[in-house]
Amino acid sequence: MTKKEVIDEVTMKRALTRITYEIIERNYDIEQLVLVGIKTRGIYIARRIAERLQQLENVEVEVGTLDITLYRDDQKKLMEQPEIHDSDIPFSLEGKEVIVVDDVLFTGRTIRAALDAIMDFGRPQKIALAVLVDRGHRELPIRADFVGKNIPTSSAEEIIVEMRETDDADRILINKNKGES
């Protein structure tokens, strides 16, 4: 397994700041905005964007967490007994502008599942997508509205996002030998 760092801590912070500025530019009514992070790293990215929005706009944006386990279309292939975590969206989504936040956009299947899950919580006015990394290889017609970095990859490669909340470091790696032991 050959892992290569492609994004360091400083570059990751810049990418998150860029996403935040783009959100500000495209959303004139920040008070109607909520962020929903997909477990696990999407939650940390959403919280960081919310912190940056607070610093830049002096507006507290609510952040929810979303577990999409039961909404995945590959659930049966993954495991017999899925490990389910709670989603935590302690605010109404009705009429809100929801930005779904995830670490890596790949096939689009995770986002499709997230959209299904969000609709079970209410009917937002608008849903947008923010991702730290877009690596290509879409299987569904889904694209991100806000992208920190585009990192083209082969289907044999894997993007690994490490965040200090879970991994004690902020960086993005490419695993060049995905699937090989």
N, C-alpha and C. Protein backbone atom coordinates (compact mmCIF):
# COMPACT_ATOMS: atom_id res chain seq x y z
N MET A 1 0.85 -1.17 0.00
CA MET A 1 0.00 0.00 0.00
C MET A 1 0.90 1.24 0.00
N THR A 2 0.75 2.08 -1.01
CA THR A 2 1.55 3.29 -1.11
C THR A 2 0.65 4.50 -0.89
N LYS A 3 0.83 5.19 0.22
CA LYS A 3 0.06 6.39 0.51
C LYS A 3 0.92 7.61 0.27
N LYS A 4 0.34 8.58 -0.40
CA LYS A 4 1.05 9.82 -0.69
C LYS A 4 0.19 11.00 -0.25
N GLU A 5 0.78 11.90 0.52
CA GLU A 5 0.05 13.09 0.95
C GLU A 5 -0.08 14.04 -0.23
N VAL A 6 -1.31 14.44 -0.53
CA VAL A 6 -1.55 15.38 -1.62
C VAL A 6 -2.04 16.73 -1.13
N ILE A 7 -2.57 16.77 0.08
CA ILE A 7 -3.04 18.02 0.70
C ILE A 7 -2.56 18.03 2.14
N ASP A 8 -1.88 19.10 2.53
CA ASP A 8 -1.43 19.23 3.92
C ASP A 8 -2.44 20.06 4.73
N GLU A 9 -2.13 20.28 5.99
CA GLU A 9 -3.03 20.99 6.90
C GLU A 9 -3.36 22.41 6.42
N VAL A 10 -2.35 23.13 5.97
CA VAL A 10 -2.55 24.51 5.52
C VAL A 10 -3.45 24.55 4.29
N THR A 11 -3.19 23.67 3.34
CA THR A 11 -3.98 23.63 2.11
C THR A 11 -5.42 23.20 2.40
N MET A 12 -5.60 22.28 3.35
CA MET A 12 -6.95 21.86 3.73
C MET A 12 -7.71 23.04 4.34
N LYS A 13 -7.05 23.79 5.19
CA LYS A 13 -7.70 24.95 5.81
C LYS A 13 -8.10 25.96 4.74
N ARG A 14 -7.24 26.18 3.77
CA ARG A 14 -7.56 27.10 2.66
C ARG A 14 -8.76 26.61 1.87
N ALA A 15 -8.82 25.30 1.62
CA ALA A 15 -9.94 24.73 0.87
C ALA A 15 -11.25 24.95 1.63
N LEU A 16 -11.25 24.75 2.94
CA LEU A 16 -12.45 24.96 3.74
C LEU A 16 -12.84 26.44 3.77
N THR A 17 -11.85 27.32 3.82
CA THR A 17 -12.13 28.76 3.78
C THR A 17 -12.73 29.14 2.42
N ARG A 18 -12.21 28.56 1.33
CA ARG A 18 -12.75 28.83 0.00
C ARG A 18 -14.21 28.40 -0.08
N ILE A 19 -14.52 27.21 0.44
CA ILE A 19 -15.90 26.73 0.46
C ILE A 19 -16.78 27.72 1.22
N THR A 20 -16.30 28.18 2.37
CA THR A 20 -17.07 29.10 3.20
C THR A 20 -17.35 30.40 2.47
N TYR A 21 -16.36 30.97 1.82
CA TYR A 21 -16.57 32.19 1.05
C TYR A 21 -17.56 31.98 -0.09
N GLU A 22 -17.49 30.85 -0.75
CA GLU A 22 -18.43 30.56 -1.83
C GLU A 22 -19.86 30.44 -1.29
N ILE A 23 -20.00 29.83 -0.12
CA ILE A 23 -21.32 29.73 0.51
C ILE A 23 -21.87 31.13 0.80
N ILE A 24 -21.04 32.00 1.33
CA ILE A 24 -21.46 33.37 1.63
C ILE A 24 -21.88 34.08 0.35
N GLU A 25 -21.09 33.93 -0.70
CA GLU A 25 -21.39 34.62 -1.96
C GLU A 25 -22.69 34.15 -2.59
N ARG A 26 -23.03 32.89 -2.45
CA ARG A 26 -24.21 32.34 -3.12
C ARG A 26 -25.46 32.30 -2.24
N ASN A 27 -25.33 32.58 -0.96
CA ASN A 27 -26.48 32.52 -0.04
C ASN A 27 -26.64 33.87 0.65
N TYR A 28 -27.57 34.65 0.13
CA TYR A 28 -27.74 36.00 0.67
C TYR A 28 -28.41 36.01 2.04
N ASP A 29 -29.21 35.01 2.36
CA ASP A 29 -29.89 34.96 3.65
C ASP A 29 -29.28 33.84 4.49
N ILE A 30 -28.13 34.13 5.10
CA ILE A 30 -27.41 33.13 5.88
C ILE A 30 -28.26 32.62 7.05
N GLU A 31 -29.21 33.43 7.54
CA GLU A 31 -30.06 33.00 8.66
C GLU A 31 -30.93 31.80 8.30
N GLN A 32 -31.21 31.59 7.03
CA GLN A 32 -32.02 30.45 6.59
C GLN A 32 -31.17 29.23 6.25
N LEU A 33 -29.87 29.34 6.43
CA LEU A 33 -28.93 28.29 6.06
C LEU A 33 -28.69 27.34 7.22
N VAL A 34 -28.67 26.04 6.93
CA VAL A 34 -28.26 25.02 7.90
C VAL A 34 -27.29 24.08 7.19
N LEU A 35 -26.38 23.51 7.96
CA LEU A 35 -25.41 22.56 7.45
C LEU A 35 -25.74 21.18 8.02
N VAL A 36 -25.66 20.16 7.17
CA VAL A 36 -25.89 18.79 7.63
C VAL A 36 -24.70 17.96 7.17
N GLY A 37 -23.91 17.51 8.15
CA GLY A 37 -22.72 16.73 7.84
C GLY A 37 -23.02 15.24 7.83
N ILE A 38 -22.50 14.56 6.80
CA ILE A 38 -22.66 13.11 6.71
C ILE A 38 -21.58 12.46 7.57
N LYS A 39 -22.01 11.52 8.41
CA LYS A 39 -21.07 10.84 9.30
C LYS A 39 -20.01 10.13 8.49
N THR A 40 -18.81 10.23 8.84
CA THR A 40 -18.23 10.80 10.04
C THR A 40 -17.52 12.13 9.73
N ARG A 41 -16.66 12.16 8.77
CA ARG A 41 -15.86 13.36 8.55
C ARG A 41 -16.64 14.54 8.00
N GLY A 42 -17.77 14.27 7.35
CA GLY A 42 -18.61 15.37 6.89
C GLY A 42 -19.11 16.22 8.04
N ILE A 43 -19.28 15.60 9.19
CA ILE A 43 -19.72 16.35 10.38
C ILE A 43 -18.65 17.35 10.80
N TYR A 44 -17.40 16.90 10.83
CA TYR A 44 -16.31 17.79 11.25
C TYR A 44 -16.11 18.92 10.25
N ILE A 45 -16.25 18.61 8.98
CA ILE A 45 -16.12 19.64 7.95
C ILE A 45 -17.25 20.66 8.09
N ALA A 46 -18.47 20.18 8.32
CA ALA A 46 -19.62 21.08 8.50
C ALA A 46 -19.41 21.99 9.71
N ARG A 47 -18.91 21.43 10.80
CA ARG A 47 -18.67 22.25 12.00
C ARG A 47 -17.60 23.32 11.75
N ARG A 48 -16.58 22.95 10.99
CA ARG A 48 -15.52 23.93 10.68
C ARG A 48 -16.05 25.04 9.78
N ILE A 49 -16.89 24.68 8.83
CA ILE A 49 -17.49 25.70 7.97
C ILE A 49 -18.39 26.62 8.80
N ALA A 50 -19.15 26.05 9.72
CA ALA A 50 -20.02 26.85 10.59
C ALA A 50 -19.19 27.80 11.45
N GLU A 51 -18.06 27.33 11.98
CA GLU A 51 -17.17 28.20 12.77
C GLU A 51 -16.66 29.36 11.92
N ARG A 52 -16.28 29.06 10.69
CA ARG A 52 -15.75 30.10 9.80
C ARG A 52 -16.85 31.09 9.41
N LEU A 53 -18.08 30.60 9.20
CA LEU A 53 -19.20 31.50 8.93
C LEU A 53 -19.45 32.43 10.11
N GLN A 54 -19.32 31.89 11.31
CA GLN A 54 -19.47 32.70 12.53
C GLN A 54 -18.42 33.81 12.56
N GLN A 55 -17.18 33.46 12.25
CA GLN A 55 -16.09 34.43 12.26
C GLN A 55 -16.29 35.51 11.19
N LEU A 56 -16.69 35.10 10.00
CA LEU A 56 -16.77 36.04 8.88
C LEU A 56 -18.07 36.84 8.84
N GLU A 57 -19.18 36.23 9.19
CA GLU A 57 -20.49 36.87 9.05
C GLU A 57 -21.18 37.15 10.39
N ASN A 58 -20.58 36.69 11.48
CA ASN A 58 -21.16 36.85 12.81
C ASN A 58 -22.58 36.27 12.87
N VAL A 59 -22.77 35.12 12.23
CA VAL A 59 -24.04 34.42 12.21
C VAL A 59 -23.79 32.98 12.65
N GLU A 60 -24.62 32.52 13.59
CA GLU A 60 -24.49 31.15 14.04
C GLU A 60 -25.36 30.25 13.16
N VAL A 61 -24.72 29.39 12.40
CA VAL A 61 -25.41 28.47 11.50
C VAL A 61 -25.54 27.13 12.21
N GLU A 62 -26.75 26.59 12.22
CA GLU A 62 -26.98 25.31 12.88
C GLU A 62 -26.35 24.17 12.07
N VAL A 63 -25.85 23.18 12.80
CA VAL A 63 -25.21 22.03 12.17
C VAL A 63 -25.88 20.75 12.68
N GLY A 64 -26.30 19.92 11.74
CA GLY A 64 -26.87 18.63 12.08
C GLY A 64 -25.97 17.51 11.59
N THR A 65 -26.23 16.31 12.09
CA THR A 65 -25.45 15.15 11.66
C THR A 65 -26.39 14.13 11.03
N LEU A 66 -25.89 13.47 10.00
CA LEU A 66 -26.73 12.55 9.25
C LEU A 66 -26.03 11.20 9.10
N ASP A 67 -26.72 10.14 9.52
CA ASP A 67 -26.25 8.79 9.29
C ASP A 67 -27.09 8.21 8.16
N ILE A 68 -26.44 7.81 7.08
CA ILE A 68 -27.16 7.35 5.89
C ILE A 68 -27.17 5.83 5.76
N THR A 69 -26.73 5.13 6.79
CA THR A 69 -26.55 3.68 6.72
C THR A 69 -27.78 2.97 6.15
N LEU A 70 -28.95 3.28 6.65
CA LEU A 70 -30.17 2.58 6.22
C LEU A 70 -30.66 3.01 4.85
N TYR A 71 -30.08 4.05 4.30
CA TYR A 71 -30.52 4.57 3.01
C TYR A 71 -29.60 4.13 1.86
N ARG A 72 -28.53 3.46 2.18
CA ARG A 72 -27.56 3.06 1.14
C ARG A 72 -28.14 1.98 0.24
N ASP A 73 -27.86 2.06 -1.06
CA ASP A 73 -28.35 1.05 -1.98
C ASP A 73 -27.44 -0.17 -2.04
N ASP A 74 -26.29 -0.09 -1.39
CA ASP A 74 -25.37 -1.23 -1.33
C ASP A 74 -25.35 -1.87 0.05
N GLN A 75 -26.35 -1.60 0.86
CA GLN A 75 -26.39 -2.05 2.25
C GLN A 75 -26.25 -3.56 2.38
N LYS A 76 -26.94 -4.31 1.55
CA LYS A 76 -26.88 -5.77 1.66
C LYS A 76 -25.50 -6.31 1.34
N LYS A 77 -24.79 -5.64 0.45
CA LYS A 77 -23.44 -6.08 0.11
C LYS A 77 -22.44 -5.75 1.21
N LEU A 78 -22.73 -4.70 1.99
CA LEU A 78 -21.76 -4.24 2.98
C LEU A 78 -21.69 -5.14 4.21
N MET A 79 -22.84 -5.45 4.78
CA MET A 79 -22.83 -6.25 6.00
C MET A 79 -24.25 -6.73 6.33
N GLU A 80 -24.32 -7.83 7.05
CA GLU A 80 -25.62 -8.37 7.45
C GLU A 80 -26.29 -7.48 8.49
N GLN A 81 -25.56 -7.12 9.53
CA GLN A 81 -26.08 -6.28 10.59
C GLN A 81 -25.38 -4.92 10.53
N PRO A 82 -26.00 -3.93 9.90
CA PRO A 82 -25.33 -2.64 9.77
C PRO A 82 -25.15 -1.96 11.13
N GLU A 83 -24.06 -1.23 11.25
CA GLU A 83 -23.84 -0.45 12.45
C GLU A 83 -24.51 0.90 12.24
N ILE A 84 -25.57 1.12 12.98
CA ILE A 84 -26.39 2.31 12.78
C ILE A 84 -26.10 3.31 13.89
N HIS A 85 -25.88 4.54 13.49
CA HIS A 85 -25.67 5.64 14.43
C HIS A 85 -26.86 6.58 14.29
N ASP A 86 -27.09 7.37 15.28
CA ASP A 86 -28.20 8.30 15.22
C ASP A 86 -27.87 9.49 14.34
N SER A 87 -28.86 9.91 13.58
CA SER A 87 -28.79 11.21 12.95
C SER A 87 -29.24 12.21 14.01
N ASP A 88 -28.71 13.40 13.95
CA ASP A 88 -29.08 14.42 14.92
C ASP A 88 -29.30 15.73 14.18
N ILE A 89 -30.56 15.97 13.87
CA ILE A 89 -30.94 17.23 13.23
C ILE A 89 -32.00 17.85 14.15
N PRO A 90 -31.53 18.60 15.17
CA PRO A 90 -32.44 19.10 16.19
C PRO A 90 -33.14 20.41 15.81
N PHE A 91 -33.32 20.64 14.53
CA PHE A 91 -33.97 21.85 14.04
C PHE A 91 -34.81 21.48 12.82
N SER A 92 -35.75 22.31 12.50
CA SER A 92 -36.62 22.05 11.36
C SER A 92 -35.88 22.35 10.05
N LEU A 93 -36.11 21.53 9.06
CA LEU A 93 -35.55 21.76 7.73
C LEU A 93 -36.56 22.45 6.82
N GLU A 94 -37.78 22.58 7.27
CA GLU A 94 -38.84 23.19 6.45
C GLU A 94 -38.45 24.60 6.02
N GLY A 95 -38.43 24.81 4.71
CA GLY A 95 -38.14 26.13 4.16
C GLY A 95 -36.70 26.57 4.28
N LYS A 96 -35.83 25.74 4.80
CA LYS A 96 -34.42 26.11 4.99
C LYS A 96 -33.61 25.83 3.73
N GLU A 97 -32.46 26.47 3.66
CA GLU A 97 -31.46 26.16 2.64
C GLU A 97 -30.46 25.22 3.31
N VAL A 98 -30.48 23.96 2.92
CA VAL A 98 -29.65 22.93 3.53
C VAL A 98 -28.42 22.71 2.66
N ILE A 99 -27.27 22.73 3.30
CA ILE A 99 -26.05 22.32 2.60
C ILE A 99 -25.60 21.01 3.23
N VAL A 100 -25.64 19.96 2.42
CA VAL A 100 -25.14 18.65 2.82
C VAL A 100 -23.63 18.70 2.67
N VAL A 101 -22.91 18.23 3.69
CA VAL A 101 -21.45 18.31 3.69
C VAL A 101 -20.86 16.91 3.83
N ASP A 102 -19.90 16.61 2.94
CA ASP A 102 -19.21 15.32 3.01
C ASP A 102 -17.74 15.54 2.70
N ASP A 103 -16.93 14.52 3.01
CA ASP A 103 -15.50 14.67 2.78
C ASP A 103 -15.12 14.42 1.33
N VAL A 104 -15.59 13.32 0.74
CA VAL A 104 -15.19 12.95 -0.62
C VAL A 104 -16.42 12.63 -1.45
N LEU A 105 -16.50 13.22 -2.64
CA LEU A 105 -17.53 12.87 -3.60
C LEU A 105 -16.91 11.93 -4.63
N PHE A 106 -17.49 10.74 -4.75
CA PHE A 106 -16.94 9.72 -5.64
C PHE A 106 -18.05 9.30 -6.61
N THR A 107 -18.77 8.23 -6.33
CA THR A 107 -19.77 7.72 -7.26
C THR A 107 -21.08 8.51 -7.21
N GLY A 108 -21.35 9.17 -6.09
CA GLY A 108 -22.60 9.90 -5.91
C GLY A 108 -23.63 9.13 -5.11
N ARG A 109 -23.35 7.87 -4.82
CA ARG A 109 -24.33 7.03 -4.12
C ARG A 109 -24.54 7.46 -2.66
N THR A 110 -23.49 7.91 -2.00
CA THR A 110 -23.65 8.40 -0.63
C THR A 110 -24.55 9.63 -0.61
N ILE A 111 -24.38 10.50 -1.57
CA ILE A 111 -25.18 11.72 -1.61
C ILE A 111 -26.64 11.39 -1.94
N ARG A 112 -26.86 10.43 -2.84
CA ARG A 112 -28.23 10.02 -3.13
C ARG A 112 -28.91 9.52 -1.86
N ALA A 113 -28.19 8.73 -1.08
CA ALA A 113 -28.73 8.23 0.18
C ALA A 113 -28.99 9.39 1.15
N ALA A 114 -28.09 10.36 1.18
CA ALA A 114 -28.26 11.52 2.07
C ALA A 114 -29.50 12.32 1.69
N LEU A 115 -29.75 12.48 0.40
CA LEU A 115 -30.94 13.22 -0.04
C LEU A 115 -32.21 12.51 0.42
N ASP A 116 -32.24 11.18 0.29
CA ASP A 116 -33.39 10.42 0.78
C ASP A 116 -33.58 10.61 2.28
N ALA A 117 -32.50 10.54 3.03
CA ALA A 117 -32.57 10.70 4.49
C ALA A 117 -33.06 12.10 4.87
N ILE A 118 -32.54 13.11 4.20
CA ILE A 118 -32.94 14.49 4.53
C ILE A 118 -34.43 14.70 4.30
N MET A 119 -34.95 14.13 3.23
CA MET A 119 -36.37 14.32 2.94
C MET A 119 -37.25 13.69 4.02
N ASP A 120 -36.73 12.71 4.76
CA ASP A 120 -37.47 12.16 5.88
C ASP A 120 -37.53 13.12 7.06
N PHE A 121 -36.68 14.13 7.08
CA PHE A 121 -36.67 15.12 8.16
C PHE A 121 -37.50 16.35 7.83
N GLY A 122 -37.91 16.50 6.60
CA GLY A 122 -38.70 17.67 6.23
C GLY A 122 -38.45 18.05 4.78
N ARG A 123 -39.06 19.15 4.37
CA ARG A 123 -38.94 19.60 2.98
C ARG A 123 -38.23 20.95 2.94
N PRO A 124 -36.92 20.91 2.71
CA PRO A 124 -36.17 22.17 2.62
C PRO A 124 -36.56 22.95 1.38
N GLN A 125 -36.28 24.24 1.41
CA GLN A 125 -36.50 25.07 0.23
C GLN A 125 -35.49 24.72 -0.86
N LYS A 126 -34.26 24.42 -0.42
CA LYS A 126 -33.18 24.14 -1.36
C LYS A 126 -32.17 23.23 -0.68
N ILE A 127 -31.55 22.33 -1.45
CA ILE A 127 -30.47 21.50 -0.94
C ILE A 127 -29.27 21.69 -1.85
N ALA A 128 -28.12 21.94 -1.25
CA ALA A 128 -26.86 22.07 -1.99
C ALA A 128 -25.87 21.08 -1.40
N LEU A 129 -24.76 20.89 -2.09
CA LEU A 129 -23.75 19.93 -1.65
C LEU A 129 -22.39 20.60 -1.58
N ALA A 130 -21.72 20.42 -0.45
CA ALA A 130 -20.34 20.88 -0.27
C ALA A 130 -19.47 19.67 0.05
N VAL A 131 -18.36 19.54 -0.68
CA VAL A 131 -17.43 18.44 -0.42
C VAL A 131 -16.01 18.99 -0.36
N LEU A 132 -15.23 18.38 0.48
CA LEU A 132 -13.83 18.76 0.57
C LEU A 132 -13.09 18.34 -0.68
N VAL A 133 -13.36 17.11 -1.17
CA VAL A 133 -12.68 16.56 -2.35
C VAL A 133 -13.69 15.99 -3.33
N ASP A 134 -13.55 16.37 -4.59
CA ASP A 134 -14.29 15.73 -5.67
C ASP A 134 -13.26 14.94 -6.47
N ARG A 135 -13.40 13.62 -6.49
CA ARG A 135 -12.41 12.78 -7.16
C ARG A 135 -12.89 12.22 -8.49
N GLY A 136 -14.12 12.55 -8.89
CA GLY A 136 -14.63 12.05 -10.16
C GLY A 136 -15.23 10.66 -10.04
N HIS A 137 -15.46 10.00 -11.16
CA HIS A 137 -15.99 8.64 -11.27
C HIS A 137 -17.45 8.52 -10.86
N ARG A 138 -18.27 9.49 -11.24
CA ARG A 138 -19.68 9.46 -10.87
C ARG A 138 -20.42 8.31 -11.53
N GLU A 139 -21.30 7.69 -10.76
CA GLU A 139 -22.22 6.67 -11.26
C GLU A 139 -23.64 7.21 -11.33
N LEU A 140 -23.88 8.31 -10.65
CA LEU A 140 -25.19 8.97 -10.63
C LEU A 140 -25.01 10.43 -11.04
N PRO A 141 -26.05 11.06 -11.56
CA PRO A 141 -25.92 12.46 -12.00
C PRO A 141 -25.96 13.44 -10.83
N ILE A 142 -24.89 13.44 -10.06
CA ILE A 142 -24.78 14.30 -8.87
C ILE A 142 -23.49 15.09 -8.99
N ARG A 143 -23.57 16.38 -8.68
CA ARG A 143 -22.37 17.21 -8.67
C ARG A 143 -22.41 18.11 -7.44
N ALA A 144 -21.24 18.50 -6.99
CA ALA A 144 -21.14 19.36 -5.81
C ALA A 144 -21.30 20.82 -6.21
N ASP A 145 -21.95 21.58 -5.34
CA ASP A 145 -22.08 23.02 -5.53
C ASP A 145 -20.86 23.76 -5.02
N PHE A 146 -20.22 23.19 -4.00
CA PHE A 146 -19.05 23.78 -3.37
C PHE A 146 -17.98 22.69 -3.24
N VAL A 147 -16.82 22.93 -3.82
CA VAL A 147 -15.74 21.93 -3.81
C VAL A 147 -14.46 22.57 -3.28
N GLY A 148 -13.86 21.93 -2.28
CA GLY A 148 -12.58 22.40 -1.76
C GLY A 148 -11.45 22.14 -2.74
N LYS A 149 -11.35 20.91 -3.23
CA LYS A 149 -10.30 20.52 -4.17
C LYS A 149 -10.83 19.45 -5.12
N ASN A 150 -10.50 19.57 -6.39
CA ASN A 150 -10.72 18.50 -7.35
C ASN A 150 -9.44 17.70 -7.42
N ILE A 151 -9.52 16.42 -7.14
CA ILE A 151 -8.35 15.55 -7.20
C ILE A 151 -8.69 14.38 -8.11
N PRO A 152 -8.33 14.47 -9.39
CA PRO A 152 -8.60 13.36 -10.30
C PRO A 152 -7.86 12.11 -9.85
N THR A 153 -8.55 10.99 -9.90
CA THR A 153 -7.96 9.72 -9.47
C THR A 153 -8.33 8.63 -10.47
N SER A 154 -7.62 7.54 -10.39
CA SER A 154 -8.04 6.35 -11.13
C SER A 154 -9.00 5.60 -10.21
N SER A 155 -9.77 4.69 -10.78
CA SER A 155 -10.70 3.92 -9.95
C SER A 155 -9.96 2.97 -9.00
N ALA A 156 -8.69 2.70 -9.27
CA ALA A 156 -7.89 1.83 -8.40
C ALA A 156 -7.30 2.58 -7.22
N GLU A 157 -7.41 3.90 -7.22
CA GLU A 157 -6.87 4.70 -6.12
C GLU A 157 -7.97 5.01 -5.11
N GLU A 158 -7.53 5.37 -3.92
CA GLU A 158 -8.45 5.72 -2.84
C GLU A 158 -8.01 7.05 -2.25
N ILE A 159 -8.98 7.91 -1.98
CA ILE A 159 -8.70 9.17 -1.27
C ILE A 159 -8.96 8.93 0.21
N ILE A 160 -8.01 9.31 1.04
CA ILE A 160 -8.14 9.17 2.49
C ILE A 160 -8.06 10.56 3.10
N VAL A 161 -9.15 10.99 3.73
CA VAL A 161 -9.18 12.28 4.41
C VAL A 161 -8.93 12.02 5.88
N GLU A 162 -7.91 12.65 6.41
CA GLU A 162 -7.63 12.56 7.84
C GLU A 162 -7.92 13.92 8.46
N MET A 163 -8.60 13.88 9.61
CA MET A 163 -8.93 15.11 10.33
C MET A 163 -8.52 14.94 11.79
N ARG A 164 -8.09 16.03 12.37
CA ARG A 164 -7.55 15.94 13.73
C ARG A 164 -8.57 15.43 14.74
N GLU A 165 -9.87 15.61 14.48
CA GLU A 165 -10.89 15.12 15.40
C GLU A 165 -10.86 13.60 15.53
N THR A 166 -10.47 12.90 14.48
CA THR A 166 -10.46 11.44 14.52
C THR A 166 -9.09 10.84 14.25
N ASP A 167 -8.23 11.58 13.56
CA ASP A 167 -6.97 11.01 13.09
C ASP A 167 -5.73 11.75 13.60
N ASP A 168 -5.92 12.77 14.43
CA ASP A 168 -4.83 13.57 14.99
C ASP A 168 -4.02 14.34 13.95
N ALA A 169 -4.56 14.50 12.73
CA ALA A 169 -3.87 15.26 11.69
C ALA A 169 -4.89 15.72 10.66
N ASP A 170 -4.60 16.85 10.03
CA ASP A 170 -5.41 17.34 8.92
C ASP A 170 -4.60 17.17 7.65
N ARG A 171 -5.02 16.23 6.81
CA ARG A 171 -4.35 16.02 5.53
C ARG A 171 -5.19 15.09 4.67
N ILE A 172 -4.84 15.07 3.38
CA ILE A 172 -5.50 14.18 2.44
C ILE A 172 -4.44 13.35 1.76
N LEU A 173 -4.68 12.06 1.71
CA LEU A 173 -3.73 11.11 1.12
C LEU A 173 -4.39 10.41 -0.06
N ILE A 174 -3.54 9.93 -0.97
CA ILE A 174 -3.99 9.03 -2.02
C ILE A 174 -3.33 7.69 -1.75
N ASN A 175 -4.17 6.66 -1.68
CA ASN A 175 -3.66 5.30 -1.57
C ASN A 175 -3.58 4.78 -3.00
N LYS A 176 -2.37 4.58 -3.48
CA LYS A 176 -2.14 4.21 -4.88
C LYS A 176 -2.45 2.76 -5.21
N ASN A 177 -2.60 1.93 -4.19
CA ASN A 177 -2.82 0.50 -4.44
C ASN A 177 -4.08 0.01 -3.75
N LYS A 178 -5.18 0.69 -3.97
CA LYS A 178 -6.44 0.31 -3.35
C LYS A 178 -6.77 -1.14 -3.67
N GLY A 179 -7.18 -1.86 -2.65
CA GLY A 179 -7.61 -3.24 -2.84
C GLY A 179 -6.49 -4.26 -2.77
N GLU A 180 -5.25 -3.84 -2.81
CA GLU A 180 -4.13 -4.80 -2.73
C GLU A 180 -3.66 -4.88 -1.29
N SER A 181 -3.25 -6.04 -0.86
CA SER A 181 -2.75 -6.21 0.51
C SER A 181 -1.29 -5.97 0.60
